[in-house]
Structure formats: C-alpha cells, structure tokens
C-alpha cells in the first residue's frame, strides 16, 4: 500500500517551496524601483481616469443645472416686462410729462385712444447725447400694450420706433438670430417677447440660444 502520508508531506513541501519562491520573486520585484514606479504610475492613471470620468459627469450636470436656472431666471424677468414698450426717436423737452407725451403719440400717430389711466408708469432711459433719450412705458393692461405695439406699422417713414422691452439676454439672442441668418429688421421681430424670423420663406420661432445653435432647416 502506498505511503499516503509521505506523499501528502512531499506535496505540502513542494507547495511551501513554491510559495517561498514566489515570495522571494515578489520581494525582489518590489525592490526594483523602476517596477514600483511603473506600478504606482499605472495605478495612479487608473484612479485618475476613474475620478476624471466622475468629475466630468458631475461638471456636466452642474452646467446643465446652471443653464436651466439661468433660463428660468431670464424667463421670469422677461415675463415681468410683458406690459412694457420702449419708444425711440420721440423729441424731448426739459419740463415734459412722459405719460402725456406717450398719450399724444398714441392718439395722433398710432390712432389708439390711449388714456393716462392706461399707463402704469413711464420715464426716459439713458441714451446718446445727440439723440432723444428713449422712452419706456409700462401699461396697466397687456391688451393695450399689444394694441399700441401692433399699430407701430403706422410709424413707417417717421423717426419713431417702438420695440418690446427685452432682457439683455433676449436682446442678444435677437441679434444672434439676425447675424446667423443674415436678416434685416423686417425679417426678424418679436411678439410678446418671443423671437420670430423669416428664414427661407418660412416663419421660425427661436426660444433660446440652444434652439438657435441646433436649428436645421426643414426639408
């Protein structure tokens, strides 16, 4: 009968020798500065890439939230201006009452029976020294503002221009639309502060910068 205990002992001795050999190889390898440096660099690079991916994903999410917050803030600001109009080119005098100036303009040139009670407030805005300062007016009712704005076509051929009261961001978007499609003033306009443009014979509504950047003409 074979000596099983002796065979088992030899097997264990062999495994011990192999373990010792592996341990010596590992110890020798770890004493190799070049190998250790390579190992550290490899591990560092793996960890770095993992964290970079997580940081980039977090950064993208933060930027997306910031854009949404900016859009919402701008929309609220623009909404608060819906009853406003800006009027350019109206001569001014030292002792003028801007409410009365606007009422006179509306009655005489726009054929709108505007009353002083239809105006919430009005005043002049800063402007170039060599031109009349623009007027800004807030109407009590949006329907009256819309009526005045729709009749601005009657001012064609005069120096007076009426525009909606846009936020800086919305005004820049309007300029960007004109520049991108190479449009003149008659081909781009606003209504209730929304921007519209006539592009390739079609009327297009541009809601925001991303909408402009991603616009593709329909086939």
C-alpha atoms as a PDB file:
ATOM      1  CA  UNK A   1       0.000   0.000   0.000  1.00  0.00           C
ATOM      2  CA  UNK A   2       1.436   3.445  -0.919  1.00  0.00           C
ATOM      3  CA  UNK A   3       2.524   5.697   1.891  1.00  0.00           C
ATOM      4  CA  UNK A   4      -0.219   8.353   1.592  1.00  0.00           C
ATOM      5  CA  UNK A   5       1.134  10.417   4.486  1.00  0.00           C
ATOM      6  CA  UNK A   6       4.561  10.582   2.920  1.00  0.00           C
ATOM      7  CA  UNK A   7       3.068  11.587  -0.442  1.00  0.00           C
ATOM      8  CA  UNK A   8       0.986  14.282   1.211  1.00  0.00           C
ATOM      9  CA  UNK A   9       4.019  15.606   3.042  1.00  0.00           C
ATOM     10  CA  UNK A  10       6.034  15.817  -0.162  1.00  0.00           C
ATOM     11  CA  UNK A  11       3.186  17.705  -1.840  1.00  0.00           C
ATOM     12  CA  UNK A  12       2.998  20.167   1.027  1.00  0.00           C
ATOM     13  CA  UNK A  13       6.764  20.640   0.971  1.00  0.00           C
ATOM     14  CA  UNK A  14       6.599  21.372  -2.757  1.00  0.00           C
ATOM     15  CA  UNK A  15       3.840  23.941  -2.259  1.00  0.00           C
ATOM     16  CA  UNK A  16       5.844  25.561   0.546  1.00  0.00           C
ATOM     17  CA  UNK A  17       8.903  25.813  -1.701  1.00  0.00           C
ATOM     18  CA  UNK A  18       6.797  27.312  -4.497  1.00  0.00           C
ATOM     19  CA  UNK A  19       5.265  29.817  -2.086  1.00  0.00           C
ATOM     20  CA  UNK A  20       8.702  30.766  -0.807  1.00  0.00           C
ATOM     21  CA  UNK A  21       9.972  31.155  -4.347  1.00  0.00           C
ATOM     22  CA  UNK A  22       7.021  33.349  -5.293  1.00  0.00           C
ATOM     23  CA  UNK A  23       7.535  35.422  -2.153  1.00  0.00           C
ATOM     24  CA  UNK A  24      11.240  35.920  -2.946  1.00  0.00           C
ATOM     25  CA  UNK A  25      10.384  36.925  -6.515  1.00  0.00           C
ATOM     26  CA  UNK A  26       7.779  39.410  -5.270  1.00  0.00           C
ATOM     27  CA  UNK A  27      10.180  40.854  -2.703  1.00  0.00           C
ATOM     28  CA  UNK A  28      12.884  41.169  -5.309  1.00  0.00           C
ATOM     29  CA  UNK A  29      10.478  42.741  -7.756  1.00  0.00           C
ATOM     30  CA  UNK A  30       9.229  45.249  -5.189  1.00  0.00           C
ATOM     31  CA  UNK A  31      12.826  46.277  -4.540  1.00  0.00           C
ATOM     32  CA  UNK A  32      13.089  47.213  -8.209  1.00  0.00           C
ATOM     33  CA  UNK A  33      12.491  50.975  -8.202  1.00  0.00           C
ATOM     34  CA  UNK A  34      11.605  51.066 -11.881  1.00  0.00           C
ATOM     35  CA  UNK A  35       8.920  48.418 -11.432  1.00  0.00           C
ATOM     36  CA  UNK A  36       7.496  50.138  -8.355  1.00  0.00           C
ATOM     37  CA  UNK A  37       7.409  53.452 -10.206  1.00  0.00           C
ATOM     38  CA  UNK A  38       5.654  51.814 -13.148  1.00  0.00           C
ATOM     39  CA  UNK A  39       3.161  50.146 -10.808  1.00  0.00           C
ATOM     40  CA  UNK A  40       2.451  53.414  -8.986  1.00  0.00           C
ATOM     41  CA  UNK A  41       2.053  55.266 -12.288  1.00  0.00           C
ATOM     42  CA  UNK A  42      -0.325  52.634 -13.640  1.00  0.00           C
ATOM     43  CA  UNK A  43      -2.483  52.616 -10.517  1.00  0.00           C
ATOM     44  CA  UNK A  44      -2.458  56.415 -10.384  1.00  0.00           C
ATOM     45  CA  UNK A  45      -3.529  56.640 -14.017  1.00  0.00           C
ATOM     46  CA  UNK A  46      -6.375  54.165 -13.477  1.00  0.00           C
ATOM     47  CA  UNK A  47      -7.624  56.040 -10.409  1.00  0.00           C
ATOM     48  CA  UNK A  48      -7.175  59.376 -12.164  1.00  0.00           C
ATOM     49  CA  UNK A  49      -9.232  58.293 -15.171  1.00  0.00           C
ATOM     50  CA  UNK A  50     -11.976  56.952 -12.916  1.00  0.00           C
ATOM     51  CA  UNK A  51     -12.162  60.188 -10.934  1.00  0.00           C
ATOM     52  CA  UNK A  52     -11.901  62.306 -14.093  1.00  0.00           C
ATOM     53  CA  UNK A  53     -14.908  60.494 -15.505  1.00  0.00           C
ATOM     54  CA  UNK A  54     -16.889  61.078 -12.324  1.00  0.00           C
ATOM     55  CA  UNK A  55     -15.792  64.730 -12.101  1.00  0.00           C
ATOM     56  CA  UNK A  56     -16.622  65.368 -15.772  1.00  0.00           C
ATOM     57  CA  UNK A  57     -20.058  63.823 -15.336  1.00  0.00           C
ATOM     58  CA  UNK A  58     -20.652  65.947 -12.229  1.00  0.00           C
ATOM     59  CA  UNK A  59     -19.391  69.066 -14.023  1.00  0.00           C
ATOM     60  CA  UNK A  60     -21.735  68.431 -16.962  1.00  0.00           C
ATOM     61  CA  UNK A  61     -24.647  68.023 -14.561  1.00  0.00           C
ATOM     62  CA  UNK A  62     -23.786  71.259 -12.741  1.00  0.00           C
ATOM     63  CA  UNK A  63     -23.506  73.156 -16.037  1.00  0.00           C
ATOM     64  CA  UNK A  64     -26.854  71.776 -17.169  1.00  0.00           C
ATOM     65  CA  UNK A  65     -28.489  72.867 -13.906  1.00  0.00           C
ATOM     66  CA  UNK A  66     -26.882  76.305 -14.203  1.00  0.00           C
ATOM     67  CA  UNK A  67     -28.254  76.726 -17.738  1.00  0.00           C
ATOM     68  CA  UNK A  68     -31.730  75.697 -16.589  1.00  0.00           C
ATOM     69  CA  UNK A  69     -31.564  78.139 -13.672  1.00  0.00           C
ATOM     70  CA  UNK A  70     -30.392  80.939 -15.980  1.00  0.00           C
ATOM     71  CA  UNK A  71     -33.202  80.148 -18.434  1.00  0.00           C
ATOM     72  CA  UNK A  72     -35.821  80.170 -15.675  1.00  0.00           C
ATOM     73  CA  UNK A  73     -34.482  83.408 -14.174  1.00  0.00           C
ATOM     74  CA  UNK A  74     -34.409  85.104 -17.574  1.00  0.00           C
ATOM     75  CA  UNK A  75     -37.920  83.885 -18.373  1.00  0.00           C
ATOM     76  CA  UNK A  76     -39.248  85.327 -15.106  1.00  0.00           C
ATOM     77  CA  UNK A  77     -37.517  88.648 -15.749  1.00  0.00           C
ATOM     78  CA  UNK A  78     -38.844  88.758 -19.305  1.00  0.00           C
ATOM     79  CA  UNK A  79     -42.344  87.888 -18.111  1.00  0.00           C
ATOM     80  CA  UNK A  80     -42.256  90.871 -15.750  1.00  0.00           C
ATOM     81  CA  UNK A  81     -41.654  93.099 -18.806  1.00  0.00           C
ATOM     82  CA  UNK A  82     -44.546  91.844 -20.924  1.00  0.00           C
ATOM     83  CA  UNK A  83     -46.572  95.034 -20.391  1.00  0.00           C
ATOM     84  CA  UNK A  84     -43.637  97.283 -21.324  1.00  0.00           C
ATOM     85  CA  UNK A  85     -42.650  99.024 -24.546  1.00  0.00           C
ATOM     86  CA  UNK A  86     -39.609 101.082 -25.485  1.00  0.00           C
ATOM     87  CA  UNK A  87     -40.139 104.059 -27.785  1.00  0.00           C
ATOM     88  CA  UNK A  88     -37.233 105.601 -29.688  1.00  0.00           C
ATOM     89  CA  UNK A  89     -36.954 108.879 -31.573  1.00  0.00           C
ATOM     90  CA  UNK A  90     -39.545 110.959 -29.680  1.00  0.00           C
ATOM     91  CA  UNK A  91     -38.313 114.557 -29.169  1.00  0.00           C
ATOM     92  CA  UNK A  92     -37.921 115.550 -25.529  1.00  0.00           C
ATOM     93  CA  UNK A  93     -38.201 118.788 -23.578  1.00  0.00           C
ATOM     94  CA  UNK A  94     -36.968 119.853 -20.150  1.00  0.00           C
ATOM     95  CA  UNK A  95     -40.343 120.007 -18.405  1.00  0.00           C
ATOM     96  CA  UNK A  96     -42.133 117.190 -20.209  1.00  0.00           C
ATOM     97  CA  UNK A  97     -44.626 114.769 -18.689  1.00  0.00           C
ATOM     98  CA  UNK A  98     -43.693 111.457 -20.323  1.00  0.00           C
ATOM     99  CA  UNK A  99     -47.150 109.965 -19.711  1.00  0.00           C
ATOM    100  CA  UNK A 100     -48.723 112.823 -21.672  1.00  0.00           C
ATOM    101  CA  UNK A 101     -46.068 112.597 -24.400  1.00  0.00           C
ATOM    102  CA  UNK A 102     -46.921 108.924 -24.924  1.00  0.00           C
ATOM    103  CA  UNK A 103     -50.686 109.540 -24.872  1.00  0.00           C
ATOM    104  CA  UNK A 104     -50.275 112.238 -27.535  1.00  0.00           C
ATOM    105  CA  UNK A 105     -48.110 109.972 -29.705  1.00  0.00           C
ATOM    106  CA  UNK A 106     -50.605 107.126 -29.496  1.00  0.00           C
ATOM    107  CA  UNK A 107     -53.608 109.289 -30.305  1.00  0.00           C
ATOM    108  CA  UNK A 108     -52.063 111.341 -33.104  1.00  0.00           C
ATOM    109  CA  UNK A 109     -49.763 108.845 -34.827  1.00  0.00           C
ATOM    110  CA  UNK A 110     -50.917 105.377 -33.796  1.00  0.00           C
ATOM    111  CA  UNK A 111     -54.671 106.050 -33.852  1.00  0.00           C
ATOM    112  CA  UNK A 112     -55.017 104.456 -30.412  1.00  0.00           C
ATOM    113  CA  UNK A 113     -57.331 106.134 -27.891  1.00  0.00           C
ATOM    114  CA  UNK A 114     -54.882 105.800 -25.023  1.00  0.00           C
ATOM    115  CA  UNK A 115     -55.788 107.446 -21.705  1.00  0.00           C
ATOM    116  CA  UNK A 116     -53.500 108.470 -18.852  1.00  0.00           C
ATOM    117  CA  UNK A 117     -55.165 105.784 -16.729  1.00  0.00           C
ATOM    118  CA  UNK A 118     -53.905 103.140 -19.177  1.00  0.00           C
ATOM    119  CA  UNK A 119     -50.305 103.933 -18.221  1.00  0.00           C
ATOM    120  CA  UNK A 120     -48.803 102.486 -15.051  1.00  0.00           C
ATOM    121  CA  UNK A 121     -45.560 104.460 -15.309  1.00  0.00           C
ATOM    122  CA  UNK A 122     -43.136 105.886 -17.862  1.00  0.00           C
ATOM    123  CA  UNK A 123     -39.788 107.674 -18.000  1.00  0.00           C
ATOM    124  CA  UNK A 124     -36.776 108.337 -20.190  1.00  0.00           C
ATOM    125  CA  UNK A 125     -33.866 105.903 -20.336  1.00  0.00           C
ATOM    126  CA  UNK A 126     -30.190 106.817 -20.745  1.00  0.00           C
ATOM    127  CA  UNK A 127     -29.213 107.302 -24.378  1.00  0.00           C
ATOM    128  CA  UNK A 128     -26.764 109.004 -26.762  1.00  0.00           C
ATOM    129  CA  UNK A 129     -26.202 112.725 -26.161  1.00  0.00           C
ATOM    130  CA  UNK A 130     -27.008 113.662 -29.760  1.00  0.00           C
ATOM    131  CA  UNK A 131     -30.382 111.859 -29.857  1.00  0.00           C
ATOM    132  CA  UNK A 132     -33.623 111.968 -27.844  1.00  0.00           C
ATOM    133  CA  UNK A 133     -33.419 109.526 -24.961  1.00  0.00           C
ATOM    134  CA  UNK A 134     -35.681 106.502 -25.431  1.00  0.00           C
ATOM    135  CA  UNK A 135     -38.941 106.252 -23.518  1.00  0.00           C
ATOM    136  CA  UNK A 136     -40.026 103.197 -21.573  1.00  0.00           C
ATOM    137  CA  UNK A 137     -43.677 102.756 -20.669  1.00  0.00           C
ATOM    138  CA  UNK A 138     -45.469 100.138 -18.608  1.00  0.00           C
ATOM    139  CA  UNK A 139     -49.154  99.711 -19.436  1.00  0.00           C
ATOM    140  CA  UNK A 140     -51.792  98.736 -16.898  1.00  0.00           C
ATOM    141  CA  UNK A 141     -53.244  96.131 -19.253  1.00  0.00           C
ATOM    142  CA  UNK A 142     -51.378  93.914 -21.693  1.00  0.00           C
ATOM    143  CA  UNK A 143     -54.178  94.244 -24.226  1.00  0.00           C
ATOM    144  CA  UNK A 144     -53.469  97.988 -24.513  1.00  0.00           C
ATOM    145  CA  UNK A 145     -49.754  97.352 -24.852  1.00  0.00           C
ATOM    146  CA  UNK A 146     -50.478  94.858 -27.643  1.00  0.00           C
ATOM    147  CA  UNK A 147     -52.762  97.323 -29.424  1.00  0.00           C
ATOM    148  CA  UNK A 148     -50.103 100.036 -29.364  1.00  0.00           C
ATOM    149  CA  UNK A 149     -47.402  97.596 -30.469  1.00  0.00           C
ATOM    150  CA  UNK A 150     -49.470  96.222 -33.343  1.00  0.00           C
ATOM    151  CA  UNK A 151     -50.093  99.757 -34.658  1.00  0.00           C
ATOM    152  CA  UNK A 152     -46.395 100.614 -34.824  1.00  0.00           C
ATOM    153  CA  UNK A 153     -46.583  99.975 -38.577  1.00  0.00           C
ATOM    154  CA  UNK A 154     -48.264 103.398 -38.830  1.00  0.00           C
ATOM    155  CA  UNK A 155     -44.930 104.943 -37.836  1.00  0.00           C
ATOM    156  CA  UNK A 156     -43.253 103.786 -41.042  1.00  0.00           C
ATOM    157  CA  UNK A 157     -41.452 106.715 -42.635  1.00  0.00           C
ATOM    158  CA  UNK A 158     -41.031 108.563 -39.322  1.00  0.00           C
ATOM    159  CA  UNK A 159     -38.113 108.646 -36.897  1.00  0.00           C
ATOM    160  CA  UNK A 160     -40.129 106.963 -34.151  1.00  0.00           C
ATOM    161  CA  UNK A 161     -39.546 103.253 -33.464  1.00  0.00           C
ATOM    162  CA  UNK A 162     -41.398 101.040 -30.971  1.00  0.00           C
ATOM    163  CA  UNK A 163     -39.890  97.840 -29.592  1.00  0.00           C
ATOM    164  CA  UNK A 164     -40.701  95.401 -26.847  1.00  0.00           C
ATOM    165  CA  UNK A 165     -38.745  95.667 -23.605  1.00  0.00           C
ATOM    166  CA  UNK A 166     -36.343  92.728 -23.881  1.00  0.00           C
ATOM    167  CA  UNK A 167     -33.860  91.487 -21.299  1.00  0.00           C
ATOM    168  CA  UNK A 168     -30.184  91.785 -22.204  1.00  0.00           C
ATOM    169  CA  UNK A 169     -30.055  88.063 -22.874  1.00  0.00           C
ATOM    170  CA  UNK A 170     -33.154  88.091 -25.099  1.00  0.00           C
ATOM    171  CA  UNK A 171     -31.873  91.158 -26.971  1.00  0.00           C
ATOM    172  CA  UNK A 172     -28.555  89.412 -27.614  1.00  0.00           C
ATOM    173  CA  UNK A 173     -30.429  86.356 -28.891  1.00  0.00           C
ATOM    174  CA  UNK A 174     -32.329  88.621 -31.291  1.00  0.00           C
ATOM    175  CA  UNK A 175     -29.028  89.998 -32.601  1.00  0.00           C
ATOM    176  CA  UNK A 176     -27.605  86.489 -32.915  1.00  0.00           C
ATOM    177  CA  UNK A 177     -30.638  85.403 -34.964  1.00  0.00           C
ATOM    178  CA  UNK A 178     -30.178  88.337 -37.339  1.00  0.00           C
ATOM    179  CA  UNK A 179     -26.469  87.597 -37.686  1.00  0.00           C
ATOM    180  CA  UNK A 180     -26.811  83.845 -38.214  1.00  0.00           C
ATOM    181  CA  UNK A 181     -29.433  84.109 -40.948  1.00  0.00           C
ATOM    182  CA  UNK A 182     -28.186  87.456 -42.320  1.00  0.00           C
ATOM    183  CA  UNK A 183     -31.609  89.059 -41.850  1.00  0.00           C
ATOM    184  CA  UNK A 184     -32.695  92.685 -41.957  1.00  0.00           C
ATOM    185  CA  UNK A 185     -35.010  94.285 -39.397  1.00  0.00           C
ATOM    186  CA  UNK A 186     -38.148  93.424 -41.350  1.00  0.00           C
ATOM    187  CA  UNK A 187     -37.265  89.715 -41.374  1.00  0.00           C
ATOM    188  CA  UNK A 188     -36.888  89.270 -37.619  1.00  0.00           C
ATOM    189  CA  UNK A 189     -39.283  90.529 -34.947  1.00  0.00           C
ATOM    190  CA  UNK A 190     -40.712  89.883 -31.501  1.00  0.00           C
ATOM    191  CA  UNK A 191     -44.255  89.382 -30.272  1.00  0.00           C
ATOM    192  CA  UNK A 192     -44.961  89.018 -26.560  1.00  0.00           C
ATOM    193  CA  UNK A 193     -41.143  88.964 -26.263  1.00  0.00           C
ATOM    194  CA  UNK A 194     -40.882  85.781 -28.361  1.00  0.00           C
ATOM    195  CA  UNK A 195     -38.475  85.946 -31.288  1.00  0.00           C
ATOM    196  CA  UNK A 196     -39.621  85.136 -34.813  1.00  0.00           C
ATOM    197  CA  UNK A 197     -37.622  85.110 -38.037  1.00  0.00           C
ATOM    198  CA  UNK A 198     -38.410  84.609 -41.687  1.00  0.00           C
ATOM    199  CA  UNK A 199     -35.912  82.013 -42.887  1.00  0.00           C
ATOM    200  CA  UNK A 200     -36.074  80.598 -46.418  1.00  0.00           C
ATOM    201  CA  UNK A 201     -39.642  81.819 -46.752  1.00  0.00           C
ATOM    202  CA  UNK A 202     -40.773  80.154 -43.509  1.00  0.00           C
ATOM    203  CA  UNK A 203     -41.537  81.763 -40.149  1.00  0.00           C
ATOM    204  CA  UNK A 204     -39.390  80.234 -37.407  1.00  0.00           C
ATOM    205  CA  UNK A 205     -39.710  80.779 -33.644  1.00  0.00           C
ATOM    206  CA  UNK A 206     -36.443  80.836 -31.706  1.00  0.00           C
ATOM    207  CA  UNK A 207     -36.892  80.221 -27.979  1.00  0.00           C
ATOM    208  CA  UNK A 208     -33.305  80.239 -26.739  1.00  0.00           C
ATOM    209  CA  UNK A 209     -29.610  80.067 -27.684  1.00  0.00           C
ATOM    210  CA  UNK A 210     -29.552  76.283 -27.879  1.00  0.00           C
ATOM    211  CA  UNK A 211     -32.576  76.386 -30.173  1.00  0.00           C
ATOM    212  CA  UNK A 212     -30.696  78.770 -32.465  1.00  0.00           C
ATOM    213  CA  UNK A 213     -27.483  76.731 -32.379  1.00  0.00           C
ATOM    214  CA  UNK A 214     -29.331  73.482 -33.127  1.00  0.00           C
ATOM    215  CA  UNK A 215     -31.649  74.907 -35.787  1.00  0.00           C
ATOM    216  CA  UNK A 216     -31.720  72.912 -39.001  1.00  0.00           C
ATOM    217  CA  UNK A 217     -33.930  73.979 -41.925  1.00  0.00           C
ATOM    218  CA  UNK A 218     -36.729  71.516 -42.604  1.00  0.00           C
ATOM    219  CA  UNK A 219     -36.593  69.756 -45.964  1.00  0.00           C
END
